[in-house]
Amino acid sequence: MGRLVGVLGISAALVMGGAGVANADSWTWIGPYPTMAECEISEQGFRDAGHLTAGCGYRDLAHPWQDGYYFPAWPVD
């Protein structure tokens, strides 16, 4: 499960990285992470890379494998 979460997080990062310049209202959820601490570490990495983020929170989604901690991130120009 931890490996899957890591792969999903990396996939989301690659999607964000390939998005290029976007306007401020285009954002995406990054996650899921199994713990709040892992989510916060990843979020800090996104902030360090220049993205705007809005904090981690738990999301209970349609499928159990989607549940976990996520944070929204916006690319900046």
PDB file of N, CA and C in Angstrom:
ATOM      1  N   MET A   1       0.825  -1.192   0.000  1.00  0.00           N
ATOM      2  CA  MET A   1       0.000   0.000   0.000  1.00  0.00           C
ATOM      3  C   MET A   1       0.861   1.245   0.000  1.00  0.00           C
ATOM      4  N   GLY A   2       1.910   1.271   0.813  1.00  0.00           N
ATOM      5  CA  GLY A   2       2.785   2.436   0.874  1.00  0.00           C
ATOM      6  C   GLY A   2       3.452   2.727  -0.457  1.00  0.00           C
ATOM      7  N   ARG A   3       3.855   1.671  -1.156  1.00  0.00           N
ATOM      8  CA  ARG A   3       4.486   1.842  -2.468  1.00  0.00           C
ATOM      9  C   ARG A   3       3.482   2.431  -3.461  1.00  0.00           C
ATOM     10  N   LEU A   4       2.228   1.945  -3.418  1.00  0.00           N
ATOM     11  CA  LEU A   4       1.187   2.470  -4.295  1.00  0.00           C
ATOM     12  C   LEU A   4       0.962   3.952  -4.024  1.00  0.00           C
ATOM     13  N   VAL A   5       0.912   4.322  -2.747  1.00  0.00           N
ATOM     14  CA  VAL A   5       0.718   5.726  -2.385  1.00  0.00           C
ATOM     15  C   VAL A   5       1.864   6.568  -2.915  1.00  0.00           C
ATOM     16  N   GLY A   6       3.083   6.077  -2.777  1.00  0.00           N
ATOM     17  CA  GLY A   6       4.232   6.809  -3.298  1.00  0.00           C
ATOM     18  C   GLY A   6       4.166   6.970  -4.800  1.00  0.00           C
ATOM     19  N   VAL A   7       3.784   5.920  -5.493  1.00  0.00           N
ATOM     20  CA  VAL A   7       3.664   5.986  -6.954  1.00  0.00           C
ATOM     21  C   VAL A   7       2.585   6.977  -7.352  1.00  0.00           C
ATOM     22  N   LEU A   8       1.455   6.958  -6.664  1.00  0.00           N
ATOM     23  CA  LEU A   8       0.389   7.897  -6.988  1.00  0.00           C
ATOM     24  C   LEU A   8       0.822   9.336  -6.736  1.00  0.00           C
ATOM     25  N   GLY A   9       1.528   9.568  -5.640  1.00  0.00           N
ATOM     26  CA  GLY A   9       2.019  10.909  -5.345  1.00  0.00           C
ATOM     27  C   GLY A   9       3.009  11.382  -6.389  1.00  0.00           C
ATOM     28  N   ILE A  10       3.897  10.506  -6.807  1.00  0.00           N
ATOM     29  CA  ILE A  10       4.873  10.851  -7.840  1.00  0.00           C
ATOM     30  C   ILE A  10       4.160  11.108  -9.156  1.00  0.00           C
ATOM     31  N   SER A  11       3.160  10.296  -9.485  1.00  0.00           N
ATOM     32  CA  SER A  11       2.396  10.507 -10.714  1.00  0.00           C
ATOM     33  C   SER A  11       1.733  11.873 -10.707  1.00  0.00           C
ATOM     34  N   ALA A  12       1.161  12.244  -9.581  1.00  0.00           N
ATOM     35  CA  ALA A  12       0.531  13.561  -9.486  1.00  0.00           C
ATOM     36  C   ALA A  12       1.561  14.666  -9.655  1.00  0.00           C
ATOM     37  N   ALA A  13       2.736  14.474  -9.096  1.00  0.00           N
ATOM     38  CA  ALA A  13       3.792  15.475  -9.239  1.00  0.00           C
ATOM     39  C   ALA A  13       4.210  15.610 -10.693  1.00  0.00           C
ATOM     40  N   LEU A  14       4.291  14.508 -11.407  1.00  0.00           N
ATOM     41  CA  LEU A  14       4.659  14.568 -12.815  1.00  0.00           C
ATOM     42  C   LEU A  14       3.584  15.267 -13.633  1.00  0.00           C
ATOM     43  N   VAL A  15       2.338  15.010 -13.302  1.00  0.00           N
ATOM     44  CA  VAL A  15       1.255  15.694 -14.002  1.00  0.00           C
ATOM     45  C   VAL A  15       1.345  17.189 -13.758  1.00  0.00           C
ATOM     46  N   MET A  16       1.581  17.581 -12.522  1.00  0.00           N
ATOM     47  CA  MET A  16       1.710  19.008 -12.210  1.00  0.00           C
ATOM     48  C   MET A  16       2.910  19.606 -12.923  1.00  0.00           C
ATOM     49  N   GLY A  17       4.011  18.890 -12.936  1.00  0.00           N
ATOM     50  CA  GLY A  17       5.224  19.397 -13.563  1.00  0.00           C
ATOM     51  C   GLY A  17       5.073  19.573 -15.055  1.00  0.00           C
ATOM     52  N   GLY A  18       4.280  18.726 -15.693  1.00  0.00           N
ATOM     53  CA  GLY A  18       4.086  18.813 -17.124  1.00  0.00           C
ATOM     54  C   GLY A  18       2.976  19.767 -17.520  1.00  0.00           C
ATOM     55  N   ALA A  19       2.310  20.350 -16.545  1.00  0.00           N
ATOM     56  CA  ALA A  19       1.170  21.211 -16.847  1.00  0.00           C
ATOM     57  C   ALA A  19       1.601  22.543 -17.439  1.00  0.00           C
ATOM     58  N   GLY A  20       2.816  22.962 -17.171  1.00  0.00           N
ATOM     59  CA  GLY A  20       3.275  24.248 -17.694  1.00  0.00           C
ATOM     60  C   GLY A  20       2.629  25.403 -16.961  1.00  0.00           C
ATOM     61  N   VAL A  21       2.632  26.549 -17.597  1.00  0.00           N
ATOM     62  CA  VAL A  21       2.047  27.739 -16.993  1.00  0.00           C
ATOM     63  C   VAL A  21       0.537  27.647 -17.099  1.00  0.00           C
ATOM     64  N   ALA A  22      -0.130  27.869 -15.985  1.00  0.00           N
ATOM     65  CA  ALA A  22      -1.582  27.806 -15.970  1.00  0.00           C
ATOM     66  C   ALA A  22      -2.116  28.991 -15.187  1.00  0.00           C
ATOM     67  N   ASN A  23      -3.382  29.252 -15.331  1.00  0.00           N
ATOM     68  CA  ASN A  23      -3.929  30.375 -14.578  1.00  0.00           C
ATOM     69  C   ASN A  23      -4.164  29.968 -13.133  1.00  0.00           C
ATOM     70  N   ALA A  24      -4.395  30.955 -12.288  1.00  0.00           N
ATOM     71  CA  ALA A  24      -4.433  30.723 -10.847  1.00  0.00           C
ATOM     72  C   ALA A  24      -5.617  29.880 -10.392  1.00  0.00           C
ATOM     73  N   ASP A  25      -6.653  29.744 -11.220  1.00  0.00           N
ATOM     74  CA  ASP A  25      -7.789  28.961 -10.769  1.00  0.00           C
ATOM     75  C   ASP A  25      -7.741  27.506 -11.234  1.00  0.00           C
ATOM     76  N   SER A  26      -6.647  27.079 -11.867  1.00  0.00           N
ATOM     77  CA  SER A  26      -6.517  25.665 -12.222  1.00  0.00           C
ATOM     78  C   SER A  26      -5.649  24.971 -11.181  1.00  0.00           C
ATOM     79  N   TRP A  27      -6.243  24.080 -10.420  1.00  0.00           N
ATOM     80  CA  TRP A  27      -5.540  23.398  -9.342  1.00  0.00           C
ATOM     81  C   TRP A  27      -5.819  21.917  -9.440  1.00  0.00           C
ATOM     82  N   THR A  28      -5.068  21.153  -8.688  1.00  0.00           N
ATOM     83  CA  THR A  28      -5.268  19.708  -8.645  1.00  0.00           C
ATOM     84  C   THR A  28      -4.997  19.201  -7.234  1.00  0.00           C
ATOM     85  N   TRP A  29      -5.654  18.098  -6.896  1.00  0.00           N
ATOM     86  CA  TRP A  29      -5.402  17.435  -5.612  1.00  0.00           C
ATOM     87  C   TRP A  29      -4.176  16.552  -5.760  1.00  0.00           C
ATOM     88  N   ILE A  30      -3.262  16.639  -4.812  1.00  0.00           N
ATOM     89  CA  ILE A  30      -2.067  15.809  -4.787  1.00  0.00           C
ATOM     90  C   ILE A  30      -2.237  14.801  -3.651  1.00  0.00           C
ATOM     91  N   GLY A  31      -2.098  13.523  -3.936  1.00  0.00           N
ATOM     92  CA  GLY A  31      -2.250  12.479  -2.940  1.00  0.00           C
ATOM     93  C   GLY A  31      -2.744  11.214  -3.605  1.00  0.00           C
ATOM     94  N   PRO A  32      -3.153  10.231  -2.870  1.00  0.00           N
ATOM     95  CA  PRO A  32      -3.319  10.193  -1.417  1.00  0.00           C
ATOM     96  C   PRO A  32      -2.030   9.814  -0.686  1.00  0.00           C
ATOM     97  N   TYR A  33      -1.942  10.275   0.535  1.00  0.00           N
ATOM     98  CA  TYR A  33      -0.847   9.907   1.441  1.00  0.00           C
ATOM     99  C   TYR A  33      -1.466   9.205   2.642  1.00  0.00           C
ATOM    100  N   PRO A  34      -0.830   8.176   3.178  1.00  0.00           N
ATOM    101  CA  PRO A  34      -1.422   7.414   4.282  1.00  0.00           C
ATOM    102  C   PRO A  34      -1.427   8.168   5.615  1.00  0.00           C
ATOM    103  N   THR A  35      -0.531   9.143   5.786  1.00  0.00           N
ATOM    104  CA  THR A  35      -0.482   9.891   7.043  1.00  0.00           C
ATOM    105  C   THR A  35      -0.412  11.388   6.769  1.00  0.00           C
ATOM    106  N   MET A  36      -0.841  12.165   7.738  1.00  0.00           N
ATOM    107  CA  MET A  36      -0.768  13.620   7.644  1.00  0.00           C
ATOM    108  C   MET A  36       0.685  14.069   7.501  1.00  0.00           C
ATOM    109  N   ALA A  37       1.599  13.417   8.220  1.00  0.00           N
ATOM    110  CA  ALA A  37       3.014  13.808   8.175  1.00  0.00           C
ATOM    111  C   ALA A  37       3.588  13.658   6.761  1.00  0.00           C
ATOM    112  N   GLU A  38       3.275  12.547   6.082  1.00  0.00           N
ATOM    113  CA  GLU A  38       3.769  12.340   4.723  1.00  0.00           C
ATOM    114  C   GLU A  38       3.177  13.373   3.763  1.00  0.00           C
ATOM    115  N   CYS A  39       1.925  13.703   3.955  1.00  0.00           N
ATOM    116  CA  CYS A  39       1.275  14.716   3.135  1.00  0.00           C
ATOM    117  C   CYS A  39       1.968  16.072   3.328  1.00  0.00           C
ATOM    118  N   GLU A  40       2.236  16.436   4.570  1.00  0.00           N
ATOM    119  CA  GLU A  40       2.866  17.723   4.855  1.00  0.00           C
ATOM    120  C   GLU A  40       4.276  17.809   4.282  1.00  0.00           C
ATOM    121  N   ILE A  41       5.020  16.716   4.308  1.00  0.00           N
ATOM    122  CA  ILE A  41       6.365  16.697   3.731  1.00  0.00           C
ATOM    123  C   ILE A  41       6.289  16.932   2.226  1.00  0.00           C
ATOM    124  N   SER A  42       5.368  16.242   1.564  1.00  0.00           N
ATOM    125  CA  SER A  42       5.211  16.416   0.122  1.00  0.00           C
ATOM    126  C   SER A  42       4.732  17.827  -0.207  1.00  0.00           C
ATOM    127  N   GLU A  43       3.801  18.331   0.574  1.00  0.00           N
ATOM    128  CA  GLU A  43       3.301  19.685   0.351  1.00  0.00           C
ATOM    129  C   GLU A  43       4.435  20.706   0.447  1.00  0.00           C
ATOM    130  N   GLN A  44       5.300  20.533   1.415  1.00  0.00           N
ATOM    131  CA  GLN A  44       6.439  21.453   1.554  1.00  0.00           C
ATOM    132  C   GLN A  44       7.328  21.394   0.316  1.00  0.00           C
ATOM    133  N   GLY A  45       7.522  20.210  -0.238  1.00  0.00           N
ATOM    134  CA  GLY A  45       8.296  20.077  -1.464  1.00  0.00           C
ATOM    135  C   GLY A  45       7.668  20.829  -2.623  1.00  0.00           C
ATOM    136  N   PHE A  46       6.349  20.774  -2.716  1.00  0.00           N
ATOM    137  CA  PHE A  46       5.656  21.525  -3.770  1.00  0.00           C
ATOM    138  C   PHE A  46       5.832  23.026  -3.555  1.00  0.00           C
ATOM    139  N   ARG A  47       5.714  23.476  -2.295  1.00  0.00           N
ATOM    140  CA  ARG A  47       5.920  24.903  -2.003  1.00  0.00           C
ATOM    141  C   ARG A  47       7.337  25.326  -2.349  1.00  0.00           C
ATOM    142  N   ASP A  48       8.299  24.487  -2.009  1.00  0.00           N
ATOM    143  CA  ASP A  48       9.700  24.802  -2.318  1.00  0.00           C
ATOM    144  C   ASP A  48       9.933  24.892  -3.823  1.00  0.00           C
ATOM    145  N   ALA A  49       9.120  24.159  -4.605  1.00  0.00           N
ATOM    146  CA  ALA A  49       9.237  24.182  -6.070  1.00  0.00           C
ATOM    147  C   ALA A  49       8.470  25.357  -6.682  1.00  0.00           C
ATOM    148  N   GLY A  50       7.818  26.167  -5.858  1.00  0.00           N
ATOM    149  CA  GLY A  50       7.139  27.355  -6.358  1.00  0.00           C
ATOM    150  C   GLY A  50       5.643  27.248  -6.535  1.00  0.00           C
ATOM    151  N   HIS A  51       5.048  26.141  -6.112  1.00  0.00           N
ATOM    152  CA  HIS A  51       3.589  25.994  -6.230  1.00  0.00           C
ATOM    153  C   HIS A  51       2.902  26.598  -5.016  1.00  0.00           C
ATOM    154  N   LEU A  52       1.681  27.060  -5.206  1.00  0.00           N
ATOM    155  CA  LEU A  52       0.848  27.496  -4.097  1.00  0.00           C
ATOM    156  C   LEU A  52       0.082  26.278  -3.602  1.00  0.00           C
ATOM    157  N   THR A  53       0.008  26.107  -2.293  1.00  0.00           N
ATOM    158  CA  THR A  53      -0.728  24.981  -1.712  1.00  0.00           C
ATOM    159  C   THR A  53      -1.651  25.497  -0.617  1.00  0.00           C
ATOM    160  N   ALA A  54      -2.585  24.657  -0.196  1.00  0.00           N
ATOM    161  CA  ALA A  54      -3.571  25.108   0.796  1.00  0.00           C
ATOM    162  C   ALA A  54      -3.754  24.139   1.952  1.00  0.00           C
ATOM    163  N   GLY A  55      -2.736  23.384   2.305  1.00  0.00           N
ATOM    164  CA  GLY A  55      -2.811  22.521   3.476  1.00  0.00           C
ATOM    165  C   GLY A  55      -3.376  21.141   3.202  1.00  0.00           C
ATOM    166  N   CYS A  56      -2.990  20.211   4.052  1.00  0.00           N
ATOM    167  CA  CYS A  56      -3.402  18.812   3.927  1.00  0.00           C
ATOM    168  C   CYS A  56      -4.714  18.571   4.654  1.00  0.00           C
ATOM    169  N   GLY A  57      -5.489  17.652   4.123  1.00  0.00           N
ATOM    170  CA  GLY A  57      -6.723  17.236   4.763  1.00  0.00           C
ATOM    171  C   GLY A  57      -7.097  15.841   4.296  1.00  0.00           C
ATOM    172  N   TYR A  58      -7.869  15.158   5.119  1.00  0.00           N
ATOM    173  CA  TYR A  58      -8.277  13.796   4.784  1.00  0.00           C
ATOM    174  C   TYR A  58      -9.463  13.848   3.838  1.00  0.00           C
ATOM    175  N   ARG A  59      -9.432  13.016   2.797  1.00  0.00           N
ATOM    176  CA  ARG A  59     -10.538  12.912   1.848  1.00  0.00           C
ATOM    177  C   ARG A  59     -11.011  11.464   1.811  1.00  0.00           C
ATOM    178  N   ASP A  60     -12.307  11.263   2.034  1.00  0.00           N
ATOM    179  CA  ASP A  60     -12.948   9.955   1.974  1.00  0.00           C
ATOM    180  C   ASP A  60     -13.667   9.892   0.626  1.00  0.00           C
ATOM    181  N   LEU A  61     -13.058   9.235  -0.348  1.00  0.00           N
ATOM    182  CA  LEU A  61     -13.550   9.243  -1.718  1.00  0.00           C
ATOM    183  C   LEU A  61     -14.323   7.976  -2.058  1.00  0.00           C
ATOM    184  N   ALA A  62     -14.704   7.811  -3.307  1.00  0.00           N
ATOM    185  CA  ALA A  62     -15.580   6.724  -3.745  1.00  0.00           C
ATOM    186  C   ALA A  62     -15.009   5.325  -3.518  1.00  0.00           C
ATOM    187  N   HIS A  63     -13.704   5.161  -3.645  1.00  0.00           N
ATOM    188  CA  HIS A  63     -13.073   3.844  -3.499  1.00  0.00           C
ATOM    189  C   HIS A  63     -12.075   3.881  -2.340  1.00  0.00           C
ATOM    190  N   PRO A  64     -11.995   2.818  -1.559  1.00  0.00           N
ATOM    191  CA  PRO A  64     -11.089   2.807  -0.403  1.00  0.00           C
ATOM    192  C   PRO A  64      -9.634   3.101  -0.772  1.00  0.00           C
ATOM    193  N   TRP A  65      -9.185   2.669  -1.942  1.00  0.00           N
ATOM    194  CA  TRP A  65      -7.787   2.906  -2.314  1.00  0.00           C
ATOM    195  C   TRP A  65      -7.528   4.376  -2.636  1.00  0.00           C
ATOM    196  N   GLN A  66      -8.580   5.185  -2.750  1.00  0.00           N
ATOM    197  CA  GLN A  66      -8.426   6.621  -3.000  1.00  0.00           C
ATOM    198  C   GLN A  66      -8.403   7.432  -1.712  1.00  0.00           C
ATOM    199  N   ASP A  67      -8.843   6.845  -0.609  1.00  0.00           N
ATOM    200  CA  ASP A  67      -8.917   7.572   0.661  1.00  0.00           C
ATOM    201  C   ASP A  67      -7.522   7.893   1.176  1.00  0.00           C
ATOM    202  N   GLY A  68      -7.388   9.034   1.789  1.00  0.00           N
ATOM    203  CA  GLY A  68      -6.113   9.420   2.383  1.00  0.00           C
ATOM    204  C   GLY A  68      -6.004  10.922   2.474  1.00  0.00           C
ATOM    205  N   TYR A  69      -4.806  11.369   2.776  1.00  0.00           N
ATOM    206  CA  TYR A  69      -4.538  12.794   2.930  1.00  0.00           C
ATOM    207  C   TYR A  69      -4.108  13.384   1.595  1.00  0.00           C
ATOM    208  N   TYR A  70      -4.694  14.511   1.261  1.00  0.00           N
ATOM    209  CA  TYR A  70      -4.420  15.222   0.018  1.00  0.00           C
ATOM    210  C   TYR A  70      -4.176  16.690   0.331  1.00  0.00           C
ATOM    211  N   PHE A  71      -3.558  17.386  -0.621  1.00  0.00           N
ATOM    212  CA  PHE A  71      -3.517  18.844  -0.561  1.00  0.00           C
ATOM    213  C   PHE A  71      -3.736  19.395  -1.962  1.00  0.00           C
ATOM    214  N   PRO A  72      -4.407  20.552  -2.061  1.00  0.00           N
ATOM    215  CA  PRO A  72      -4.560  21.174  -3.371  1.00  0.00           C
ATOM    216  C   PRO A  72      -3.308  21.985  -3.698  1.00  0.00           C
ATOM    217  N   ALA A  73      -2.938  21.984  -4.976  1.00  0.00           N
ATOM    218  CA  ALA A  73      -1.773  22.762  -5.411  1.00  0.00           C
ATOM    219  C   ALA A  73      -2.107  23.486  -6.702  1.00  0.00           C
ATOM    220  N   TRP A  74      -1.628  24.712  -6.799  1.00  0.00           N
ATOM    221  CA  TRP A  74      -1.777  25.536  -7.994  1.00  0.00           C
ATOM    222  C   TRP A  74      -0.409  25.835  -8.546  1.00  0.00           C
ATOM    223  N   PRO A  75      -0.222  25.712  -9.861  1.00  0.00           N
ATOM    224  CA  PRO A  75       1.050  26.135 -10.446  1.00  0.00           C
ATOM    225  C   PRO A  75       1.103  27.666 -10.478  1.00  0.00           C
ATOM    226  N   VAL A  76       2.299  28.204 -10.468  1.00  0.00           N
ATOM    227  CA  VAL A  76       2.450  29.662 -10.572  1.00  0.00           C
ATOM    228  C   VAL A  76       3.189  29.986 -11.850  1.00  0.00           C
ATOM    229  N   ASP A  77       2.941  31.189 -12.354  1.00  0.00           N
ATOM    230  CA  ASP A  77       3.588  31.633 -13.596  1.00  0.00           C
ATOM    231  C   ASP A  77       5.074  31.759 -13.440  1.00  0.00           C
TER     232      ASP A  77
END
